[in-house]
PDB file of N, CA and C in Angstrom:
ATOM      1  N   MET A   1       0.902  -1.025  -0.134  1.00  0.00           N
ATOM      2  CA  MET A   1      -0.051  -0.159   0.063  1.00  0.00           C
ATOM      3  C   MET A   1       0.734   1.370   0.162  1.00  0.00           C
ATOM      4  N   ILE A   2       0.523   1.976  -0.497  1.00  0.00           N
ATOM      5  CA  ILE A   2       1.353   3.475  -1.031  1.00  0.00           C
ATOM      6  C   ILE A   2       0.671   4.298  -0.373  1.00  0.00           C
ATOM      7  N   ILE A   3       0.867   5.336   0.924  1.00  0.00           N
ATOM      8  CA  ILE A   3       0.224   6.346   1.682  1.00  0.00           C
ATOM      9  C   ILE A   3       1.307   7.769   0.883  1.00  0.00           C
ATOM     10  N   PHE A   4       0.103   8.707   0.742  1.00  0.00           N
ATOM     11  CA  PHE A   4       0.733   9.727  -0.116  1.00  0.00           C
ATOM     12  C   PHE A   4      -0.510  10.690   1.064  1.00  0.00           C
ATOM     13  N   LYS A   5       0.399  12.336   0.815  1.00  0.00           N
ATOM     14  CA  LYS A   5      -0.784  13.444   0.996  1.00  0.00           C
ATOM     15  C   LYS A   5      -0.541  14.249   0.259  1.00  0.00           C
ATOM     16  N   ILE A   6      -1.470  15.204  -0.317  1.00  0.00           N
ATOM     17  CA  ILE A   6      -1.397  16.371  -1.018  1.00  0.00           C
ATOM     18  C   ILE A   6      -2.104  17.466  -0.285  1.00  0.00           C
ATOM     19  N   TYR A   7      -1.367  18.752  -0.258  1.00  0.00           N
ATOM     20  CA  TYR A   7      -2.192  19.517   0.610  1.00  0.00           C
ATOM     21  C   TYR A   7      -1.783  20.567  -0.483  1.00  0.00           C
ATOM     22  N   ILE A   8      -2.912  21.198  -1.352  1.00  0.00           N
ATOM     23  CA  ILE A   8      -3.569  22.279  -1.666  1.00  0.00           C
ATOM     24  C   ILE A   8      -3.570  23.591  -1.010  1.00  0.00           C
ATOM     25  N   ARG A   9      -2.695  24.695  -0.843  1.00  0.00           N
ATOM     26  CA  ARG A   9      -3.145  25.796   0.029  1.00  0.00           C
ATOM     27  C   ARG A   9      -3.948  26.599  -0.897  1.00  0.00           C
ATOM     28  N   HIS A  10      -5.123  27.511  -0.759  1.00  0.00           N
ATOM     29  CA  HIS A  10      -5.865  27.625  -1.946  1.00  0.00           C
ATOM     30  C   HIS A  10      -6.036  29.552  -1.271  1.00  0.00           C
ATOM     31  N   SER A  11      -5.107  30.022  -0.405  1.00  0.00           N
ATOM     32  CA  SER A  11      -5.167  31.072   0.385  1.00  0.00           C
ATOM     33  C   SER A  11      -4.795  32.481  -1.082  1.00  0.00           C
ATOM     34  N   ALA A  12      -3.920  32.203  -1.966  1.00  0.00           N
ATOM     35  CA  ALA A  12      -4.083  33.244  -3.115  1.00  0.00           C
ATOM     36  C   ALA A  12      -4.964  32.670  -4.246  1.00  0.00           C
ATOM     37  N   ALA A  13      -5.472  31.661  -4.128  1.00  0.00           N
ATOM     38  CA  ALA A  13      -6.979  31.600  -4.898  1.00  0.00           C
ATOM     39  C   ALA A  13      -7.862  31.943  -4.612  1.00  0.00           C
ATOM     40  N   PHE A  14      -8.252  32.346  -3.434  1.00  0.00           N
ATOM     41  CA  PHE A  14      -9.135  32.812  -2.860  1.00  0.00           C
ATOM     42  C   PHE A  14      -9.766  34.494  -3.645  1.00  0.00           C
ATOM     43  N   ASP A  15      -8.392  35.437  -4.165  1.00  0.00           N
ATOM     44  CA  ASP A  15      -8.555  36.334  -4.497  1.00  0.00           C
ATOM     45  C   ASP A  15      -8.418  35.948  -6.341  1.00  0.00           C
ATOM     46  N   SER A  16      -8.526  34.907  -6.848  1.00  0.00           N
ATOM     47  CA  SER A  16      -8.774  34.665  -7.982  1.00  0.00           C
ATOM     48  C   SER A  16     -10.119  34.273  -8.710  1.00  0.00           C
ATOM     49  N   VAL A  17     -10.902  33.826  -7.984  1.00  0.00           N
ATOM     50  CA  VAL A  17     -12.555  33.387  -8.457  1.00  0.00           C
ATOM     51  C   VAL A  17     -12.650  34.023  -9.535  1.00  0.00           C
ATOM     52  N   ASP A  18     -13.574  33.857 -10.403  1.00  0.00           N
ATOM     53  CA  ASP A  18     -13.860  34.505 -11.221  1.00  0.00           C
ATOM     54  C   ASP A  18     -15.542  34.307 -11.511  1.00  0.00           C
ATOM     55  N   HIS A  19     -16.058  35.105 -10.783  1.00  0.00           N
ATOM     56  CA  HIS A  19     -17.609  35.415 -10.464  1.00  0.00           C
ATOM     57  C   HIS A  19     -18.244  34.954 -11.282  1.00  0.00           C
ATOM     58  N   ASP A  20     -18.324  35.197 -12.740  1.00  0.00           N
ATOM     59  CA  ASP A  20     -18.900  34.426 -13.834  1.00  0.00           C
ATOM     60  C   ASP A  20     -18.886  32.858 -13.511  1.00  0.00           C
ATOM     61  N   THR A  21     -17.821  32.650 -13.408  1.00  0.00           N
ATOM     62  CA  THR A  21     -17.398  30.793 -13.608  1.00  0.00           C
ATOM     63  C   THR A  21     -18.217  30.870 -12.540  1.00  0.00           C
ATOM     64  N   LEU A  22     -18.144  31.236 -11.344  1.00  0.00           N
ATOM     65  CA  LEU A  22     -19.076  30.388  -9.905  1.00  0.00           C
ATOM     66  C   LEU A  22     -20.128  30.890 -10.241  1.00  0.00           C
ATOM     67  N   PHE A  23     -20.874  31.678 -10.583  1.00  0.00           N
ATOM     68  CA  PHE A  23     -22.293  31.890 -11.220  1.00  0.00           C
ATOM     69  C   PHE A  23     -22.604  30.489 -11.829  1.00  0.00           C
ATOM     70  N   GLN A  24     -21.866  30.040 -12.771  1.00  0.00           N
ATOM     71  CA  GLN A  24     -21.961  29.345 -13.532  1.00  0.00           C
ATOM     72  C   GLN A  24     -22.078  27.773 -13.274  1.00  0.00           C
ATOM     73  N   ARG A  25     -21.111  27.583 -11.935  1.00  0.00           N
ATOM     74  CA  ARG A  25     -20.672  26.647 -11.943  1.00  0.00           C
ATOM     75  C   ARG A  25     -22.019  26.153 -10.165  1.00  0.00           C
ATOM     76  N   LEU A  26     -22.667  27.049 -10.220  1.00  0.00           N
ATOM     77  CA  LEU A  26     -24.041  27.079  -8.962  1.00  0.00           C
ATOM     78  C   LEU A  26     -24.899  26.691 -10.106  1.00  0.00           C
ATOM     79  N   GLN A  27     -25.065  27.266 -11.021  1.00  0.00           N
ATOM     80  CA  GLN A  27     -26.366  26.863 -11.383  1.00  0.00           C
ATOM     81  C   GLN A  27     -25.914  25.254 -12.262  1.00  0.00           C
ATOM     82  N   THR A  28     -25.355  25.160 -12.733  1.00  0.00           N
ATOM     83  CA  THR A  28     -25.021  23.564 -13.549  1.00  0.00           C
ATOM     84  C   THR A  28     -24.475  22.297 -12.545  1.00  0.00           C
ATOM     85  N   SER A  29     -23.611  22.743 -11.451  1.00  0.00           N
ATOM     86  CA  SER A  29     -23.002  21.565 -10.465  1.00  0.00           C
ATOM     87  C   SER A  29     -23.971  21.457  -9.489  1.00  0.00           C
ATOM     88  N   ASP A  30     -24.318  22.831  -8.623  1.00  0.00           N
ATOM     89  CA  ASP A  30     -25.384  22.950  -7.580  1.00  0.00           C
ATOM     90  C   ASP A  30     -26.737  22.718  -7.755  1.00  0.00           C
ATOM     91  N   GLY A  31     -27.036  23.440  -8.852  1.00  0.00           N
ATOM     92  CA  GLY A  31     -28.625  23.348  -9.427  1.00  0.00           C
ATOM     93  C   GLY A  31     -29.318  24.540  -8.760  1.00  0.00           C
ATOM     94  N   LEU A  32     -28.198  25.631  -8.677  1.00  0.00           N
ATOM     95  CA  LEU A  32     -29.134  26.981  -8.300  1.00  0.00           C
ATOM     96  C   LEU A  32     -29.422  27.493  -9.364  1.00  0.00           C
ATOM     97  N   GLY A  33     -30.430  28.645  -8.960  1.00  0.00           N
ATOM     98  CA  GLY A  33     -30.554  29.190 -10.146  1.00  0.00           C
ATOM     99  C   GLY A  33     -31.847  30.567  -9.696  1.00  0.00           C
ATOM    100  N   GLY A  34     -32.053  31.545 -10.626  1.00  0.00           N
ATOM    101  CA  GLY A  34     -33.162  32.393 -10.179  1.00  0.00           C
ATOM    102  C   GLY A  34     -32.632  33.396  -9.483  1.00  0.00           C
ATOM    103  N   ASN A  35     -33.315  33.373  -8.615  1.00  0.00           N
ATOM    104  CA  ASN A  35     -33.197  34.130  -7.134  1.00  0.00           C
ATOM    105  C   ASN A  35     -31.988  34.221  -6.537  1.00  0.00           C
ATOM    106  N   VAL A  36     -31.791  32.879  -6.377  1.00  0.00           N
ATOM    107  CA  VAL A  36     -30.105  32.719  -5.183  1.00  0.00           C
ATOM    108  C   VAL A  36     -29.020  33.038  -6.180  1.00  0.00           C
ATOM    109  N   ILE A  37     -28.970  32.764  -7.386  1.00  0.00           N
ATOM    110  CA  ILE A  37     -28.135  33.581  -8.366  1.00  0.00           C
ATOM    111  C   ILE A  37     -28.125  34.770  -8.433  1.00  0.00           C
ATOM    112  N   THR A  38     -29.278  35.620  -8.194  1.00  0.00           N
ATOM    113  CA  THR A  38     -29.436  37.206  -8.687  1.00  0.00           C
ATOM    114  C   THR A  38     -28.895  37.313  -7.610  1.00  0.00           C
ATOM    115  N   TRP A  39     -28.910  36.820  -5.890  1.00  0.00           N
ATOM    116  CA  TRP A  39     -28.729  37.373  -4.681  1.00  0.00           C
ATOM    117  C   TRP A  39     -27.396  37.435  -4.512  1.00  0.00           C
ATOM    118  N   PHE A  40     -26.500  36.431  -5.138  1.00  0.00           N
ATOM    119  CA  PHE A  40     -25.177  36.135  -4.804  1.00  0.00           C
ATOM    120  C   PHE A  40     -24.313  37.256  -5.935  1.00  0.00           C
ATOM    121  N   ALA A  41     -24.846  37.461  -6.986  1.00  0.00           N
ATOM    122  CA  ALA A  41     -24.504  38.573  -8.077  1.00  0.00           C
ATOM    123  C   ALA A  41     -24.163  39.854  -7.093  1.00  0.00           C
ATOM    124  N   SER A  42     -25.293  39.932  -6.687  1.00  0.00           N
ATOM    125  CA  SER A  42     -25.664  41.635  -6.025  1.00  0.00           C
ATOM    126  C   SER A  42     -24.620  41.176  -5.144  1.00  0.00           C
ATOM    127  N   TYR A  43     -24.411  40.623  -4.086  1.00  0.00           N
ATOM    128  CA  TYR A  43     -23.608  40.595  -3.385  1.00  0.00           C
ATOM    129  C   TYR A  43     -21.703  40.399  -4.065  1.00  0.00           C
ATOM    130  N   LEU A  44     -21.813  40.064  -4.894  1.00  0.00           N
ATOM    131  CA  LEU A  44     -20.262  40.028  -5.392  1.00  0.00           C
ATOM    132  C   LEU A  44     -20.061  41.257  -6.535  1.00  0.00           C
ATOM    133  N   THR A  45     -21.204  41.682  -7.056  1.00  0.00           N
ATOM    134  CA  THR A  45     -21.129  42.488  -7.873  1.00  0.00           C
ATOM    135  C   THR A  45     -20.788  44.271  -7.366  1.00  0.00           C
ATOM    136  N   GLY A  46     -20.187  45.095  -8.267  1.00  0.00           N
ATOM    137  CA  GLY A  46     -20.369  46.615  -7.988  1.00  0.00           C
ATOM    138  C   GLY A  46     -19.742  46.933  -6.677  1.00  0.00           C
ATOM    139  N   ARG A  47     -18.522  45.813  -6.366  1.00  0.00           N
ATOM    140  CA  ARG A  47     -17.265  46.326  -5.325  1.00  0.00           C
ATOM    141  C   ARG A  47     -16.466  46.831  -5.970  1.00  0.00           C
ATOM    142  N   THR A  48     -15.837  47.665  -4.988  1.00  0.00           N
ATOM    143  CA  THR A  48     -14.594  48.243  -5.808  1.00  0.00           C
ATOM    144  C   THR A  48     -13.648  48.391  -4.523  1.00  0.00           C
ATOM    145  N   GLN A  49     -12.156  48.793  -4.713  1.00  0.00           N
ATOM    146  CA  GLN A  49     -10.992  48.675  -4.230  1.00  0.00           C
ATOM    147  C   GLN A  49     -10.665  50.163  -4.211  1.00  0.00           C
ATOM    148  N   TYR A  50      -9.389  50.153  -3.116  1.00  0.00           N
ATOM    149  CA  TYR A  50      -8.557  51.170  -3.488  1.00  0.00           C
ATOM    150  C   TYR A  50      -7.723  51.033  -2.057  1.00  0.00           C
ATOM    151  N   ILE A  51      -6.521  51.477  -2.638  1.00  0.00           N
ATOM    152  CA  ILE A  51      -5.512  51.568  -1.274  1.00  0.00           C
ATOM    153  C   ILE A  51      -4.642  53.188  -0.718  1.00  0.00           C
ATOM    154  N   TRP A  52      -4.666  53.261   0.372  1.00  0.00           N
ATOM    155  CA  TRP A  52      -3.724  54.201   1.017  1.00  0.00           C
ATOM    156  C   TRP A  52      -2.672  54.329   0.998  1.00  0.00           C
ATOM    157  N   ILE A  53      -2.052  55.268   0.833  1.00  0.00           N
ATOM    158  CA  ILE A  53      -0.455  55.310   1.099  1.00  0.00           C
ATOM    159  C   ILE A  53      -0.069  56.672   1.501  1.00  0.00           C
ATOM    160  N   ALA A  54      -0.065  56.691   3.100  1.00  0.00           N
ATOM    161  CA  ALA A  54       0.426  57.606   3.903  1.00  0.00           C
ATOM    162  C   ALA A  54      -0.886  58.737   3.681  1.00  0.00           C
ATOM    163  N   THR A  55      -0.907  59.753   2.718  1.00  0.00           N
ATOM    164  CA  THR A  55      -2.381  60.485   3.056  1.00  0.00           C
ATOM    165  C   THR A  55      -2.374  60.488   1.437  1.00  0.00           C
ATOM    166  N   SER A  56      -1.996  59.373   0.712  1.00  0.00           N
ATOM    167  CA  SER A  56      -2.546  59.367  -1.029  1.00  0.00           C
ATOM    168  C   SER A  56      -3.785  58.343  -0.866  1.00  0.00           C
ATOM    169  N   ARG A  57      -4.440  58.442  -2.151  1.00  0.00           N
ATOM    170  CA  ARG A  57      -5.265  57.487  -2.041  1.00  0.00           C
ATOM    171  C   ARG A  57      -5.492  57.198  -3.649  1.00  0.00           C
ATOM    172  N   SER A  58      -5.586  56.004  -3.801  1.00  0.00           N
ATOM    173  CA  SER A  58      -5.585  55.602  -5.296  1.00  0.00           C
ATOM    174  C   SER A  58      -6.842  55.796  -5.645  1.00  0.00           C
ATOM    175  N   MET A  59      -7.241  55.687  -7.096  1.00  0.00           N
ATOM    176  CA  MET A  59      -8.419  55.882  -7.669  1.00  0.00           C
ATOM    177  C   MET A  59      -9.366  54.507  -7.350  1.00  0.00           C
ATOM    178  N   SER A  60     -10.707  54.324  -7.385  1.00  0.00           N
ATOM    179  CA  SER A  60     -11.408  52.807  -7.229  1.00  0.00           C
ATOM    180  C   SER A  60     -11.412  52.135  -8.025  1.00  0.00           C
ATOM    181  N   LEU A  61     -11.068  51.085  -8.200  1.00  0.00           N
ATOM    182  CA  LEU A  61     -11.383  50.377  -9.383  1.00  0.00           C
ATOM    183  C   LEU A  61     -12.602  49.050  -9.188  1.00  0.00           C
ATOM    184  N   ALA A  62     -13.142  48.892  -9.816  1.00  0.00           N
ATOM    185  CA  ALA A  62     -14.121  47.601  -9.892  1.00  0.00           C
ATOM    186  C   ALA A  62     -13.410  46.302  -9.635  1.00  0.00           C
ATOM    187  N   VAL A  63     -13.994  45.619  -8.692  1.00  0.00           N
ATOM    188  CA  VAL A  63     -13.557  43.700  -8.344  1.00  0.00           C
ATOM    189  C   VAL A  63     -14.338  43.299  -9.064  1.00  0.00           C
ATOM    190  N   LEU A  64     -13.361  42.309  -9.722  1.00  0.00           N
ATOM    191  CA  LEU A  64     -14.487  41.507 -10.866  1.00  0.00           C
ATOM    192  C   LEU A  64     -14.112  39.933 -10.454  1.00  0.00           C
ATOM    193  N   PHE A  65     -12.923  39.923  -9.614  1.00  0.00           N
ATOM    194  CA  PHE A  65     -12.492  38.360  -9.317  1.00  0.00           C
ATOM    195  C   PHE A  65     -12.317  38.621  -7.978  1.00  0.00           C
ATOM    196  N   GLY A  66     -12.513  37.481  -7.033  1.00  0.00           N
ATOM    197  CA  GLY A  66     -12.321  37.120  -5.622  1.00  0.00           C
ATOM    198  C   GLY A  66     -13.290  36.989  -4.898  1.00  0.00           C
ATOM    199  N   MET A  67     -13.290  36.306  -4.085  1.00  0.00           N
ATOM    200  CA  MET A  67     -14.319  36.544  -2.905  1.00  0.00           C
ATOM    201  C   MET A  67     -13.818  37.306  -1.356  1.00  0.00           C
ATOM    202  N   PRO A  68     -15.037  38.204  -1.132  1.00  0.00           N
ATOM    203  CA  PRO A  68     -14.983  39.422  -0.046  1.00  0.00           C
ATOM    204  C   PRO A  68     -13.927  38.611   1.168  1.00  0.00           C
ATOM    205  N   GLN A  69     -12.868  39.235   1.469  1.00  0.00           N
ATOM    206  CA  GLN A  69     -11.973  38.717   2.526  1.00  0.00           C
ATOM    207  C   GLN A  69     -12.702  39.124   4.313  1.00  0.00           C
ATOM    208  N   GLY A  70     -12.714  38.102   4.804  1.00  0.00           N
ATOM    209  CA  GLY A  70     -13.305  38.351   6.432  1.00  0.00           C
ATOM    210  C   GLY A  70     -15.240  38.261   6.071  1.00  0.00           C
ATOM    211  N   SER A  71     -15.811  37.796   5.152  1.00  0.00           N
ATOM    212  CA  SER A  71     -17.146  37.604   5.027  1.00  0.00           C
ATOM    213  C   SER A  71     -17.381  36.068   5.784  1.00  0.00           C
ATOM    214  N   VAL A  72     -18.838  35.814   5.799  1.00  0.00           N
ATOM    215  CA  VAL A  72     -18.759  34.474   5.957  1.00  0.00           C
ATOM    216  C   VAL A  72     -19.558  33.962   4.550  1.00  0.00           C
ATOM    217  N   LEU A  73     -19.982  34.743   3.555  1.00  0.00           N
ATOM    218  CA  LEU A  73     -20.346  33.763   2.514  1.00  0.00           C
ATOM    219  C   LEU A  73     -19.163  33.861   1.450  1.00  0.00           C
ATOM    220  N   GLY A  74     -17.969  34.491   1.872  1.00  0.00           N
ATOM    221  CA  GLY A  74     -16.961  34.173   0.669  1.00  0.00           C
ATOM    222  C   GLY A  74     -16.362  32.718   1.017  1.00  0.00           C
ATOM    223  N   PRO A  75     -16.067  32.212   2.186  1.00  0.00           N
ATOM    224  CA  PRO A  75     -15.698  30.764   2.453  1.00  0.00           C
ATOM    225  C   PRO A  75     -16.687  29.808   2.078  1.00  0.00           C
ATOM    226  N   ILE A  76     -17.967  29.935   2.094  1.00  0.00           N
ATOM    227  CA  ILE A  76     -18.824  28.929   1.213  1.00  0.00           C
ATOM    228  C   ILE A  76     -19.281  29.112  -0.158  1.00  0.00           C
ATOM    229  N   LEU A  77     -18.792  30.545  -0.298  1.00  0.00           N
ATOM    230  CA  LEU A  77     -18.911  30.642  -1.969  1.00  0.00           C
ATOM    231  C   LEU A  77     -17.372  29.797  -2.914  1.00  0.00           C
ATOM    232  N   PHE A  78     -16.590  30.160  -2.114  1.00  0.00           N
ATOM    233  CA  PHE A  78     -15.094  29.607  -2.400  1.00  0.00           C
ATOM    234  C   PHE A  78     -15.113  28.000  -2.225  1.00  0.00           C
ATOM    235  N   LEU A  79     -15.484  27.366  -1.232  1.00  0.00           N
ATOM    236  CA  LEU A  79     -16.160  26.048  -1.554  1.00  0.00           C
ATOM    237  C   LEU A  79     -16.945  25.135  -2.225  1.00  0.00           C
ATOM    238  N   LEU A  80     -17.930  26.002  -2.888  1.00  0.00           N
ATOM    239  CA  LEU A  80     -18.719  25.540  -3.961  1.00  0.00           C
ATOM    240  C   LEU A  80     -18.154  25.823  -5.150  1.00  0.00           C
ATOM    241  N   TYR A  81     -17.108  26.895  -4.954  1.00  0.00           N
ATOM    242  CA  TYR A  81     -16.277  26.798  -6.627  1.00  0.00           C
ATOM    243  C   TYR A  81     -15.596  25.879  -6.982  1.00  0.00           C
ATOM    244  N   VAL A  82     -14.437  25.528  -5.627  1.00  0.00           N
ATOM    245  CA  VAL A  82     -13.826  24.579  -5.834  1.00  0.00           C
ATOM    246  C   VAL A  82     -14.040  22.848  -5.654  1.00  0.00           C
ATOM    247  N   ALA A  83     -15.596  22.920  -5.751  1.00  0.00           N
ATOM    248  CA  ALA A  83     -16.020  21.447  -4.879  1.00  0.00           C
ATOM    249  C   ALA A  83     -15.811  20.431  -6.283  1.00  0.00           C
ATOM    250  N   ASP A  84     -15.749  20.754  -7.602  1.00  0.00           N
ATOM    251  CA  ASP A  84     -15.440  20.225  -8.917  1.00  0.00           C
ATOM    252  C   ASP A  84     -13.987  19.576  -8.564  1.00  0.00           C
ATOM    253  N   LEU A  85     -13.262  20.111  -7.852  1.00  0.00           N
ATOM    254  CA  LEU A  85     -11.992  19.788  -7.575  1.00  0.00           C
ATOM    255  C   LEU A  85     -11.807  18.138  -6.639  1.00  0.00           C
ATOM    256  N   LEU A  86     -12.306  18.205  -5.873  1.00  0.00           N
ATOM    257  CA  LEU A  86     -12.859  16.805  -5.088  1.00  0.00           C
ATOM    258  C   LEU A  86     -13.572  16.138  -5.848  1.00  0.00           C
ATOM    259  N   GLN A  87     -14.263  16.629  -6.765  1.00  0.00           N
ATOM    260  CA  GLN A  87     -14.587  15.075  -7.862  1.00  0.00           C
ATOM    261  C   GLN A  87     -13.756  14.367  -8.501  1.00  0.00           C
ATOM    262  N   LEU A  88     -12.623  15.088  -9.285  1.00  0.00           N
ATOM    263  CA  LEU A  88     -11.316  14.928 -10.330  1.00  0.00           C
ATOM    264  C   LEU A  88     -10.789  13.508  -9.279  1.00  0.00           C
ATOM    265  N   VAL A  89     -10.773  13.733  -8.141  1.00  0.00           N
ATOM    266  CA  VAL A  89      -9.832  12.659  -7.177  1.00  0.00           C
ATOM    267  C   VAL A  89     -10.667  11.353  -7.042  1.00  0.00           C
ATOM    268  N   LYS A  90     -10.378  10.436  -7.621  1.00  0.00           N
ATOM    269  CA  LYS A  90     -10.713   9.337  -7.588  1.00  0.00           C
ATOM    270  C   LYS A  90     -10.196   8.377  -6.095  1.00  0.00           C
ATOM    271  N   HIS A  91     -10.761   7.449  -5.619  1.00  0.00           N
ATOM    272  CA  HIS A  91     -10.148   6.038  -4.751  1.00  0.00           C
ATOM    273  C   HIS A  91      -9.349   7.027  -3.492  1.00  0.00           C
ATOM    274  N   CYS A  92      -9.348   8.432  -3.474  1.00  0.00           N
ATOM    275  CA  CYS A  92      -8.818   9.219  -2.239  1.00  0.00           C
ATOM    276  C   CYS A  92     -10.204   9.693  -1.399  1.00  0.00           C
ATOM    277  N   LYS A  93      -9.566   9.804  -0.171  1.00  0.00           N
ATOM    278  CA  LYS A  93     -10.385  10.386   0.791  1.00  0.00           C
ATOM    279  C   LYS A  93      -9.786  11.999   1.086  1.00  0.00           C
ATOM    280  N   SER A  94     -10.770  12.726   0.610  1.00  0.00           N
ATOM    281  CA  SER A  94     -10.613  14.157   0.580  1.00  0.00           C
ATOM    282  C   SER A  94     -11.060  14.885   1.731  1.00  0.00           C
ATOM    283  N   VAL A  95     -10.772  15.890   2.443  1.00  0.00           N
ATOM    284  CA  VAL A  95     -11.002  16.636   3.169  1.00  0.00           C
ATOM    285  C   VAL A  95     -10.482  18.252   2.545  1.00  0.00           C
ATOM    286  N   CYS A  96     -12.260  18.711   2.688  1.00  0.00           N
ATOM    287  CA  CYS A  96     -11.656  20.562   2.151  1.00  0.00           C
ATOM    288  C   CYS A  96     -12.031  21.471   3.177  1.00  0.00           C
ATOM    289  N   TRP A  97     -11.341  22.584   3.414  1.00  0.00           N
ATOM    290  CA  TRP A  97     -11.644  23.703   4.218  1.00  0.00           C
ATOM    291  C   TRP A  97     -11.355  25.149   3.122  1.00  0.00           C
ATOM    292  N   SER A  98     -11.890  26.341   3.478  1.00  0.00           N
ATOM    293  CA  SER A  98     -11.787  27.025   2.548  1.00  0.00           C
ATOM    294  C   SER A  98     -10.563  27.538   2.212  1.00  0.00           C
ATOM    295  N   ALA A  99      -9.174  27.486   2.945  1.00  0.00           N
ATOM    296  CA  ALA A  99      -7.892  27.611   2.908  1.00  0.00           C
ATOM    297  C   ALA A  99      -7.021  26.749   2.530  1.00  0.00           C
ATOM    298  N   LEU A 100      -7.671  25.030   2.450  1.00  0.00           N
ATOM    299  CA  LEU A 100      -7.006  24.011   2.420  1.00  0.00           C
ATOM    300  C   LEU A 100      -7.758  22.879   2.042  1.00  0.00           C
ATOM    301  N   THR A 101      -7.182  22.230   1.088  1.00  0.00           N
ATOM    302  CA  THR A 101      -7.663  20.586   0.193  1.00  0.00           C
ATOM    303  C   THR A 101      -6.748  19.669   0.682  1.00  0.00           C
ATOM    304  N   LYS A 102      -7.048  18.875   1.424  1.00  0.00           N
ATOM    305  CA  LYS A 102      -6.236  17.320   1.607  1.00  0.00           C
ATOM    306  C   LYS A 102      -6.559  16.136   0.939  1.00  0.00           C
ATOM    307  N   PHE A 103      -6.084  15.649   0.156  1.00  0.00           N
ATOM    308  CA  PHE A 103      -5.961  14.208  -0.300  1.00  0.00           C
ATOM    309  C   PHE A 103      -5.462  13.584   0.261  1.00  0.00           C
ATOM    310  N   SER A 104      -5.969  11.966   0.402  1.00  0.00           N
ATOM    311  CA  SER A 104      -5.090  11.084   1.252  1.00  0.00           C
ATOM    312  C   SER A 104      -5.831   9.963   0.797  1.00  0.00           C
ATOM    313  N   PRO A 105      -4.964   8.821   0.477  1.00  0.00           N
ATOM    314  CA  PRO A 105      -5.985   7.344  -0.003  1.00  0.00           C
ATOM    315  C   PRO A 105      -7.071   7.169   1.166  1.00  0.00           C
ATOM    316  N   GLY A 106      -7.762   6.598   0.634  1.00  0.00           N
ATOM    317  CA  GLY A 106      -9.177   6.297   1.312  1.00  0.00           C
ATOM    318  C   GLY A 106      -8.759   5.108   2.169  1.00  0.00           C
TER     319      GLY A 106
END
């Protein structure tokens, strides 16, 4: 028997979630639609970000990718986004948290 573990850190991936791909996966993989998708879209779209350096502020830019940090829905939506990853690995026991996925033989 061969025993191995693979750990995949998702911390940087949290910022790279494509909203349109997420909405598509929620509809096709999870069977959600209508008002639920509209609600998630209203939560993720229309966000802007800027940075402060000393007394200077950058111009605001639209946030087109990523999950809001420190939110309750962010990790849940991220887990739904990466759920397909867990289906790719067969004959393994998989454990997934919002920041880490672990695969090991079942």
